[in-house]
Amino acid sequence: MPDNLDLKILASLQANARKKQTELARELGVAQSTMLERVRRLEDQGVIRGYRAIIDPEKLGLHIQAFIAVTLNHHDAHGIHEFEDGIRHLAEVRACYHTTGRFDYMLHVAASDLKKLGELVKTDIASLPSFGTSETLAVFSEIKPDEGWPIYSAGDSGL
């Protein structure tokens, strides 16, 4: 279980994963060897799953983001696995969540334009096994970007 120092390390790395461990150790008031050990342990335990850059999609020509709510027409294990495997192979799908409620899945997708978004929905996603129906919600603007997990809230819940 991560302790208070681990949570501080996670919060700092989540804000800036390029921060050198010497700087992080100095910032948190611990020895560099302690920092190295803590970060390694968090990685080994799978708490830190990796490091990545935050990229501006517009600079890549990805001008459209949308959420696509999908309902399957078959809910047997084989159909679910085939649908999920198909989703994993679609590069335009940034994230996929299996949900409760009216829809079975919520997809966050990115595309260069509305034509590409339409092709993604009507051709790529609709052709997946067990696909039933979908509802697409285009993103007008991003009000609060993904800035990571609420680390200190997780610490309060006994993480």
C-alpha atoms as a PDB file:
ATOM      1  CA  MET A   1       0.000   0.000   0.000  1.00  0.00           C
ATOM      2  CA  PRO A   2       1.442   3.396  -0.937  1.00  0.00           C
ATOM      3  CA  ASP A   3       2.143   5.607   2.054  1.00  0.00           C
ATOM      4  CA  ASN A   4       2.100   9.414   2.246  1.00  0.00           C
ATOM      5  CA  LEU A   5       5.588   9.753   0.679  1.00  0.00           C
ATOM      6  CA  ASP A   6       4.569   7.435  -2.166  1.00  0.00           C
ATOM      7  CA  LEU A   7       1.483   9.581  -2.803  1.00  0.00           C
ATOM      8  CA  LYS A   8       3.663  12.718  -2.953  1.00  0.00           C
ATOM      9  CA  ILE A   9       6.005  10.969  -5.402  1.00  0.00           C
ATOM     10  CA  LEU A  10       3.063   9.870  -7.563  1.00  0.00           C
ATOM     11  CA  ALA A  11       1.518  13.357  -7.565  1.00  0.00           C
ATOM     12  CA  SER A  12       4.813  14.954  -8.532  1.00  0.00           C
ATOM     13  CA  LEU A  13       5.573  12.445 -11.300  1.00  0.00           C
ATOM     14  CA  GLN A  14       2.025  12.677 -12.620  1.00  0.00           C
ATOM     15  CA  ALA A  15       2.440  16.458 -12.921  1.00  0.00           C
ATOM     16  CA  ASN A  16       5.871  16.129 -14.554  1.00  0.00           C
ATOM     17  CA  ALA A  17       7.194  12.654 -15.384  1.00  0.00           C
ATOM     18  CA  ARG A  18      10.410  14.169 -16.765  1.00  0.00           C
ATOM     19  CA  LYS A  19      11.433  15.380 -13.321  1.00  0.00           C
ATOM     20  CA  LYS A  20      14.804  13.908 -12.401  1.00  0.00           C
ATOM     21  CA  GLN A  21      14.872  11.731  -9.318  1.00  0.00           C
ATOM     22  CA  THR A  22      17.526  13.963  -7.737  1.00  0.00           C
ATOM     23  CA  GLU A  23      15.185  16.928  -8.073  1.00  0.00           C
ATOM     24  CA  LEU A  24      12.261  14.892  -6.772  1.00  0.00           C
ATOM     25  CA  ALA A  25      14.304  13.716  -3.762  1.00  0.00           C
ATOM     26  CA  ARG A  26      15.321  17.291  -2.960  1.00  0.00           C
ATOM     27  CA  GLU A  27      11.725  18.535  -3.393  1.00  0.00           C
ATOM     28  CA  LEU A  28      10.365  15.897  -0.997  1.00  0.00           C
ATOM     29  CA  GLY A  29      13.266  16.051   1.458  1.00  0.00           C
ATOM     30  CA  VAL A  30      14.519  12.485   1.140  1.00  0.00           C
ATOM     31  CA  ALA A  31      17.798  10.858   0.101  1.00  0.00           C
ATOM     32  CA  GLN A  32      18.274  10.130  -3.588  1.00  0.00           C
ATOM     33  CA  SER A  33      18.727   6.417  -2.765  1.00  0.00           C
ATOM     34  CA  THR A  34      15.360   6.434  -0.971  1.00  0.00           C
ATOM     35  CA  MET A  35      13.730   8.070  -3.987  1.00  0.00           C
ATOM     36  CA  LEU A  36      15.268   5.541  -6.384  1.00  0.00           C
ATOM     37  CA  GLU A  37      14.064   2.647  -4.196  1.00  0.00           C
ATOM     38  CA  ARG A  38      10.555   4.096  -3.818  1.00  0.00           C
ATOM     39  CA  VAL A  39      10.064   4.780  -7.540  1.00  0.00           C
ATOM     40  CA  ARG A  40      11.401   1.328  -8.446  1.00  0.00           C
ATOM     41  CA  ARG A  41       9.046  -0.325  -5.954  1.00  0.00           C
ATOM     42  CA  LEU A  42       6.061   1.643  -7.295  1.00  0.00           C
ATOM     43  CA  GLU A  43       6.990   0.529 -10.820  1.00  0.00           C
ATOM     44  CA  ASP A  44       7.522  -3.107  -9.765  1.00  0.00           C
ATOM     45  CA  GLN A  45       4.150  -3.157  -7.989  1.00  0.00           C
ATOM     46  CA  GLY A  46       2.457  -1.792 -11.104  1.00  0.00           C
ATOM     47  CA  VAL A  47       1.303   1.409  -9.376  1.00  0.00           C
ATOM     48  CA  ILE A  48       3.350   3.314 -11.972  1.00  0.00           C
ATOM     49  CA  ARG A  49       2.512   1.593 -15.250  1.00  0.00           C
ATOM     50  CA  GLY A  50       4.576   3.828 -17.525  1.00  0.00           C
ATOM     51  CA  TYR A  51       5.465   7.341 -18.559  1.00  0.00           C
ATOM     52  CA  ARG A  52       4.164   9.285 -21.537  1.00  0.00           C
ATOM     53  CA  ALA A  53       4.089  12.683 -23.150  1.00  0.00           C
ATOM     54  CA  ILE A  54       0.957  14.827 -23.195  1.00  0.00           C
ATOM     55  CA  ILE A  55       0.384  15.619 -26.856  1.00  0.00           C
ATOM     56  CA  ASP A  56      -1.768  18.332 -28.399  1.00  0.00           C
ATOM     57  CA  PRO A  57      -4.107  16.452 -30.790  1.00  0.00           C
ATOM     58  CA  GLU A  58      -4.680  19.567 -32.906  1.00  0.00           C
ATOM     59  CA  LYS A  59      -0.946  19.677 -33.746  1.00  0.00           C
ATOM     60  CA  LEU A  60      -1.326  16.145 -35.144  1.00  0.00           C
ATOM     61  CA  GLY A  61      -4.321  17.090 -37.266  1.00  0.00           C
ATOM     62  CA  LEU A  62      -6.807  15.393 -34.935  1.00  0.00           C
ATOM     63  CA  HIS A  63      -9.451  18.137 -34.882  1.00  0.00           C
ATOM     64  CA  ILE A  64     -12.432  16.035 -33.787  1.00  0.00           C
ATOM     65  CA  GLN A  65     -12.942  14.190 -30.524  1.00  0.00           C
ATOM     66  CA  ALA A  66     -16.093  12.317 -29.631  1.00  0.00           C
ATOM     67  CA  PHE A  67     -17.569   9.872 -27.195  1.00  0.00           C
ATOM     68  CA  ILE A  68     -19.336   6.914 -28.721  1.00  0.00           C
ATOM     69  CA  ALA A  69     -21.767   4.981 -26.562  1.00  0.00           C
ATOM     70  CA  VAL A  70     -22.176   1.423 -27.829  1.00  0.00           C
ATOM     71  CA  THR A  71     -24.774  -1.232 -27.078  1.00  0.00           C
ATOM     72  CA  LEU A  72     -24.073  -4.814 -28.087  1.00  0.00           C
ATOM     73  CA  ASN A  73     -26.721  -7.030 -29.626  1.00  0.00           C
ATOM     74  CA  HIS A  74     -25.194 -10.221 -28.137  1.00  0.00           C
ATOM     75  CA  HIS A  75     -23.946 -10.445 -24.579  1.00  0.00           C
ATOM     76  CA  ASP A  76     -22.353 -13.877 -24.600  1.00  0.00           C
ATOM     77  CA  ALA A  77     -18.702 -14.165 -23.515  1.00  0.00           C
ATOM     78  CA  HIS A  78     -17.443 -14.912 -27.026  1.00  0.00           C
ATOM     79  CA  GLY A  79     -19.185 -11.890 -28.576  1.00  0.00           C
ATOM     80  CA  ILE A  80     -17.981  -9.572 -25.812  1.00  0.00           C
ATOM     81  CA  HIS A  81     -14.363 -10.743 -26.189  1.00  0.00           C
ATOM     82  CA  GLU A  82     -14.474 -10.370 -29.971  1.00  0.00           C
ATOM     83  CA  PHE A  83     -15.908  -6.844 -29.711  1.00  0.00           C
ATOM     84  CA  GLU A  84     -13.286  -5.822 -27.137  1.00  0.00           C
ATOM     85  CA  ASP A  85     -10.449  -7.312 -29.223  1.00  0.00           C
ATOM     86  CA  GLY A  86     -11.696  -5.365 -32.251  1.00  0.00           C
ATOM     87  CA  ILE A  87     -11.772  -2.116 -30.258  1.00  0.00           C
ATOM     88  CA  ARG A  88      -8.181  -2.673 -29.092  1.00  0.00           C
ATOM     89  CA  HIS A  89      -7.070  -2.678 -32.746  1.00  0.00           C
ATOM     90  CA  LEU A  90      -8.663   0.666 -33.668  1.00  0.00           C
ATOM     91  CA  ALA A  91      -5.992   3.355 -33.295  1.00  0.00           C
ATOM     92  CA  GLU A  92      -8.608   6.130 -33.236  1.00  0.00           C
ATOM     93  CA  VAL A  93     -10.079   4.754 -30.003  1.00  0.00           C
ATOM     94  CA  ARG A  94      -8.184   6.523 -27.210  1.00  0.00           C
ATOM     95  CA  ALA A  95     -10.001   4.745 -24.400  1.00  0.00           C
ATOM     96  CA  CYS A  96     -12.789   2.202 -24.007  1.00  0.00           C
ATOM     97  CA  TYR A  97     -14.800   1.599 -20.863  1.00  0.00           C
ATOM     98  CA  HIS A  98     -17.215  -1.252 -20.186  1.00  0.00           C
ATOM     99  CA  THR A  99     -20.053   0.496 -18.349  1.00  0.00           C
ATOM    100  CA  THR A 100     -23.309  -0.044 -16.528  1.00  0.00           C
ATOM    101  CA  GLY A 101     -26.577   1.557 -17.532  1.00  0.00           C
ATOM    102  CA  ARG A 102     -28.116   2.151 -20.925  1.00  0.00           C
ATOM    103  CA  PHE A 103     -24.901   1.533 -22.893  1.00  0.00           C
ATOM    104  CA  ASP A 104     -22.451  -1.337 -22.690  1.00  0.00           C
ATOM    105  CA  TYR A 105     -19.338   0.630 -23.686  1.00  0.00           C
ATOM    106  CA  MET A 106     -18.174   4.231 -23.810  1.00  0.00           C
ATOM    107  CA  LEU A 107     -15.424   5.001 -26.312  1.00  0.00           C
ATOM    108  CA  HIS A 108     -13.326   8.163 -26.438  1.00  0.00           C
ATOM    109  CA  VAL A 109     -12.179   8.633 -30.028  1.00  0.00           C
ATOM    110  CA  ALA A 110     -10.195  11.117 -32.088  1.00  0.00           C
ATOM    111  CA  ALA A 111     -10.349  11.791 -35.829  1.00  0.00           C
ATOM    112  CA  SER A 112      -9.024  14.332 -38.280  1.00  0.00           C
ATOM    113  CA  ASP A 113     -12.465  15.495 -39.439  1.00  0.00           C
ATOM    114  CA  LEU A 114     -16.165  14.634 -39.443  1.00  0.00           C
ATOM    115  CA  LYS A 115     -15.807  12.423 -42.523  1.00  0.00           C
ATOM    116  CA  LYS A 116     -13.194  10.270 -40.752  1.00  0.00           C
ATOM    117  CA  LEU A 117     -15.326  10.187 -37.611  1.00  0.00           C
ATOM    118  CA  GLY A 118     -18.278   8.995 -39.702  1.00  0.00           C
ATOM    119  CA  GLU A 119     -16.153   6.254 -41.295  1.00  0.00           C
ATOM    120  CA  LEU A 120     -14.931   5.168 -37.875  1.00  0.00           C
ATOM    121  CA  VAL A 121     -18.485   4.881 -36.547  1.00  0.00           C
ATOM    122  CA  LYS A 122     -20.278   3.535 -39.644  1.00  0.00           C
ATOM    123  CA  THR A 123     -17.583   1.207 -40.944  1.00  0.00           C
ATOM    124  CA  ASP A 124     -14.958   0.289 -38.357  1.00  0.00           C
ATOM    125  CA  ILE A 125     -16.987   0.153 -35.146  1.00  0.00           C
ATOM    126  CA  ALA A 126     -20.304  -0.945 -36.674  1.00  0.00           C
ATOM    127  CA  SER A 127     -18.596  -3.923 -38.340  1.00  0.00           C
ATOM    128  CA  LEU A 128     -17.262  -5.327 -35.074  1.00  0.00           C
ATOM    129  CA  PRO A 129     -18.758  -8.601 -33.802  1.00  0.00           C
ATOM    130  CA  SER A 130     -21.809  -8.196 -31.541  1.00  0.00           C
ATOM    131  CA  PHE A 131     -22.167  -4.482 -32.385  1.00  0.00           C
ATOM    132  CA  GLY A 132     -25.772  -3.402 -31.933  1.00  0.00           C
ATOM    133  CA  THR A 133     -26.293   0.356 -31.823  1.00  0.00           C
ATOM    134  CA  SER A 134     -24.299   3.475 -31.045  1.00  0.00           C
ATOM    135  CA  GLU A 135     -24.788   7.099 -30.141  1.00  0.00           C
ATOM    136  CA  THR A 136     -22.058   9.608 -30.966  1.00  0.00           C
ATOM    137  CA  LEU A 137     -21.469  12.729 -28.903  1.00  0.00           C
ATOM    138  CA  ALA A 138     -19.056  15.191 -30.533  1.00  0.00           C
ATOM    139  CA  VAL A 139     -16.823  17.255 -28.244  1.00  0.00           C
ATOM    140  CA  PHE A 140     -17.228  21.021 -28.763  1.00  0.00           C
ATOM    141  CA  SER A 141     -14.487  22.039 -26.335  1.00  0.00           C
ATOM    142  CA  GLU A 142     -12.388  20.674 -23.519  1.00  0.00           C
ATOM    143  CA  ILE A 143     -13.279  22.362 -20.238  1.00  0.00           C
ATOM    144  CA  LYS A 144     -10.980  20.411 -17.932  1.00  0.00           C
ATOM    145  CA  PRO A 145      -8.258  18.277 -19.491  1.00  0.00           C
ATOM    146  CA  ASP A 146      -7.187  14.952 -18.065  1.00  0.00           C
ATOM    147  CA  GLU A 147      -4.555  15.934 -15.536  1.00  0.00           C
ATOM    148  CA  GLY A 148      -4.212  12.498 -14.003  1.00  0.00           C
ATOM    149  CA  TRP A 149      -5.750  10.540 -11.185  1.00  0.00           C
ATOM    150  CA  PRO A 150      -6.940  12.163  -7.941  1.00  0.00           C
ATOM    151  CA  ILE A 151      -4.017  10.748  -5.959  1.00  0.00           C
ATOM    152  CA  TYR A 152      -4.722  12.381  -2.620  1.00  0.00           C
ATOM    153  CA  SER A 153      -8.399  11.370  -2.767  1.00  0.00           C
ATOM    154  CA  ALA A 154      -7.239   7.793  -3.330  1.00  0.00           C
ATOM    155  CA  GLY A 155      -4.973   8.089  -0.291  1.00  0.00           C
ATOM    156  CA  ASP A 156      -7.974   9.105   1.822  1.00  0.00           C
ATOM    157  CA  SER A 157      -9.816   5.954   0.791  1.00  0.00           C
ATOM    158  CA  GLY A 158      -7.079   3.656   2.027  1.00  0.00           C
ATOM    159  CA  LEU A 159      -5.104   3.094  -1.189  1.00  0.00           C
END
